[in-house]
Amino acid sequence: MIRHIVMWKMAERDEAKMLEIKKSLEALKDELDVIVSIEVGINAGIEDGMDFALVADFKSRDDLASYAEAPAHKAVAAALIKPNVVERRCVDYEF
């Protein structure tokens, strides 16, 4: 299994926009059968840092690569994430 964790910092912290991104990313589970699980969380504001994060699990590296290249995933990234985010951090690990 591969766990894919991504964290983003918004150009401007916009709760409505982050909620839209959250719903759009989590909806990919219904479109892409390579996703075992996916969750997106918005920073609760306990500590300053990144604004929201994604944790997704895949059965293999190939499945993660398929997710990354999927048109549905690219559409969410192009329309909602890239125009609103100034920083991205990512880690992928086997478990």
C-alpha atoms as a PDB file:
ATOM      1  CA  MET A   1       0.000   0.000   0.000  1.00  0.00           C
ATOM      2  CA  ILE A   2       1.054   3.572  -0.688  1.00  0.00           C
ATOM      3  CA  ARG A   3      -0.083   6.516   1.423  1.00  0.00           C
ATOM      4  CA  HIS A   4      -0.083   9.870  -0.405  1.00  0.00           C
ATOM      5  CA  ILE A   5      -0.138  12.961   1.814  1.00  0.00           C
ATOM      6  CA  VAL A   6      -0.335  16.467   0.366  1.00  0.00           C
ATOM      7  CA  MET A   7      -0.590  19.765   2.244  1.00  0.00           C
ATOM      8  CA  TRP A   8      -1.372  23.148   0.723  1.00  0.00           C
ATOM      9  CA  LYS A   9      -1.145  26.781   1.756  1.00  0.00           C
ATOM     10  CA  MET A  10      -3.801  29.031   0.235  1.00  0.00           C
ATOM     11  CA  ALA A  11      -2.924  32.393  -1.308  1.00  0.00           C
ATOM     12  CA  GLU A  12      -5.812  33.741   0.779  1.00  0.00           C
ATOM     13  CA  ARG A  13      -7.454  31.622   3.459  1.00  0.00           C
ATOM     14  CA  ASP A  14     -10.976  31.132   2.113  1.00  0.00           C
ATOM     15  CA  GLU A  15     -13.067  28.584   4.006  1.00  0.00           C
ATOM     16  CA  ALA A  16     -15.684  28.304   1.241  1.00  0.00           C
ATOM     17  CA  LYS A  17     -13.020  27.656  -1.407  1.00  0.00           C
ATOM     18  CA  MET A  18     -11.283  25.060   0.787  1.00  0.00           C
ATOM     19  CA  LEU A  19     -14.602  23.305   1.363  1.00  0.00           C
ATOM     20  CA  GLU A  20     -15.192  23.242  -2.414  1.00  0.00           C
ATOM     21  CA  ILE A  21     -11.715  21.753  -2.952  1.00  0.00           C
ATOM     22  CA  LYS A  22     -12.309  19.202  -0.169  1.00  0.00           C
ATOM     23  CA  LYS A  23     -15.593  18.032  -1.684  1.00  0.00           C
ATOM     24  CA  SER A  24     -14.131  17.891  -5.203  1.00  0.00           C
ATOM     25  CA  LEU A  25     -11.100  15.859  -4.147  1.00  0.00           C
ATOM     26  CA  GLU A  26     -13.122  13.454  -1.995  1.00  0.00           C
ATOM     27  CA  ALA A  27     -15.588  12.954  -4.868  1.00  0.00           C
ATOM     28  CA  LEU A  28     -12.731  11.484  -6.915  1.00  0.00           C
ATOM     29  CA  LYS A  29     -13.187   8.258  -4.889  1.00  0.00           C
ATOM     30  CA  ASP A  30     -16.419   7.663  -6.806  1.00  0.00           C
ATOM     31  CA  GLU A  31     -14.732   8.321 -10.159  1.00  0.00           C
ATOM     32  CA  LEU A  32     -11.358   6.612  -9.804  1.00  0.00           C
ATOM     33  CA  ASP A  33     -11.309   2.985  -8.716  1.00  0.00           C
ATOM     34  CA  VAL A  34      -7.572   3.154  -7.918  1.00  0.00           C
ATOM     35  CA  ILE A  35      -8.316   5.139  -4.737  1.00  0.00           C
ATOM     36  CA  VAL A  36      -8.645   2.860  -1.704  1.00  0.00           C
ATOM     37  CA  SER A  37      -9.449   5.759   0.615  1.00  0.00           C
ATOM     38  CA  ILE A  38      -9.237   9.541   0.523  1.00  0.00           C
ATOM     39  CA  GLU A  39      -9.780  12.223   3.133  1.00  0.00           C
ATOM     40  CA  VAL A  40      -9.248  15.967   3.007  1.00  0.00           C
ATOM     41  CA  GLY A  41      -9.040  18.043   6.168  1.00  0.00           C
ATOM     42  CA  ILE A  42      -9.081  21.795   6.695  1.00  0.00           C
ATOM     43  CA  ASN A  43      -6.651  23.114   9.298  1.00  0.00           C
ATOM     44  CA  ALA A  44      -8.479  23.620  12.596  1.00  0.00           C
ATOM     45  CA  GLY A  45      -6.253  26.595  13.372  1.00  0.00           C
ATOM     46  CA  ILE A  46      -4.600  25.075  16.442  1.00  0.00           C
ATOM     47  CA  GLU A  47      -1.191  25.911  14.981  1.00  0.00           C
ATOM     48  CA  ASP A  48      -0.260  28.155  12.083  1.00  0.00           C
ATOM     49  CA  GLY A  49       0.883  26.186   9.075  1.00  0.00           C
ATOM     50  CA  MET A  50      -0.625  24.709   5.968  1.00  0.00           C
ATOM     51  CA  ASP A  51      -4.318  25.358   5.333  1.00  0.00           C
ATOM     52  CA  PHE A  52      -5.560  21.936   4.265  1.00  0.00           C
ATOM     53  CA  ALA A  53      -4.314  18.411   3.652  1.00  0.00           C
ATOM     54  CA  LEU A  54      -5.162  15.287   1.704  1.00  0.00           C
ATOM     55  CA  VAL A  55      -4.448  11.709   2.801  1.00  0.00           C
ATOM     56  CA  ALA A  56      -5.115   9.031   0.182  1.00  0.00           C
ATOM     57  CA  ASP A  57      -4.270   5.343   0.061  1.00  0.00           C
ATOM     58  CA  PHE A  58      -3.501   3.267  -3.022  1.00  0.00           C
ATOM     59  CA  LYS A  59      -2.730  -0.428  -3.477  1.00  0.00           C
ATOM     60  CA  SER A  60       0.409   0.264  -5.506  1.00  0.00           C
ATOM     61  CA  ARG A  61       2.723   2.874  -6.943  1.00  0.00           C
ATOM     62  CA  ASP A  62       1.109   2.254 -10.325  1.00  0.00           C
ATOM     63  CA  ASP A  63      -2.295   3.113  -8.871  1.00  0.00           C
ATOM     64  CA  LEU A  64      -0.904   6.344  -7.418  1.00  0.00           C
ATOM     65  CA  ALA A  65       0.572   7.180 -10.834  1.00  0.00           C
ATOM     66  CA  SER A  66      -2.797   6.464 -12.479  1.00  0.00           C
ATOM     67  CA  TYR A  67      -4.487   8.796 -10.000  1.00  0.00           C
ATOM     68  CA  ALA A  68      -1.945  11.544 -10.667  1.00  0.00           C
ATOM     69  CA  GLU A  69      -2.507  11.328 -14.424  1.00  0.00           C
ATOM     70  CA  ALA A  70      -6.297  10.857 -14.342  1.00  0.00           C
ATOM     71  CA  PRO A  71      -8.195  13.606 -16.186  1.00  0.00           C
ATOM     72  CA  ALA A  72     -10.628  14.001 -13.264  1.00  0.00           C
ATOM     73  CA  HIS A  73      -7.746  14.596 -10.850  1.00  0.00           C
ATOM     74  CA  LYS A  74      -6.001  16.989 -13.235  1.00  0.00           C
ATOM     75  CA  ALA A  75      -9.252  18.921 -13.692  1.00  0.00           C
ATOM     76  CA  VAL A  76      -9.635  19.518  -9.946  1.00  0.00           C
ATOM     77  CA  ALA A  77      -5.990  20.559  -9.678  1.00  0.00           C
ATOM     78  CA  ALA A  78      -6.209  22.946 -12.648  1.00  0.00           C
ATOM     79  CA  ALA A  79      -9.547  24.526 -11.782  1.00  0.00           C
ATOM     80  CA  LEU A  80      -9.445  24.721  -7.989  1.00  0.00           C
ATOM     81  CA  ILE A  81      -6.039  24.035  -6.505  1.00  0.00           C
ATOM     82  CA  LYS A  82      -3.412  25.684  -8.708  1.00  0.00           C
ATOM     83  CA  PRO A  83      -5.219  29.054  -8.966  1.00  0.00           C
ATOM     84  CA  ASN A  84      -5.643  29.284  -5.173  1.00  0.00           C
ATOM     85  CA  VAL A  85      -2.524  27.728  -3.659  1.00  0.00           C
ATOM     86  CA  VAL A  86       0.912  29.260  -3.088  1.00  0.00           C
ATOM     87  CA  GLU A  87       2.661  26.299  -1.479  1.00  0.00           C
ATOM     88  CA  ARG A  88       2.429  22.508  -1.733  1.00  0.00           C
ATOM     89  CA  ARG A  89       4.162  19.791   0.274  1.00  0.00           C
ATOM     90  CA  CYS A  90       3.905  16.081  -0.454  1.00  0.00           C
ATOM     91  CA  VAL A  91       5.119  12.761   0.948  1.00  0.00           C
ATOM     92  CA  ASP A  92       4.384   9.244  -0.291  1.00  0.00           C
ATOM     93  CA  TYR A  93       5.298   6.157   1.706  1.00  0.00           C
ATOM     94  CA  GLU A  94       4.701   2.421   1.725  1.00  0.00           C
ATOM     95  CA  PHE A  95       2.917   0.797   4.616  1.00  0.00           C
END
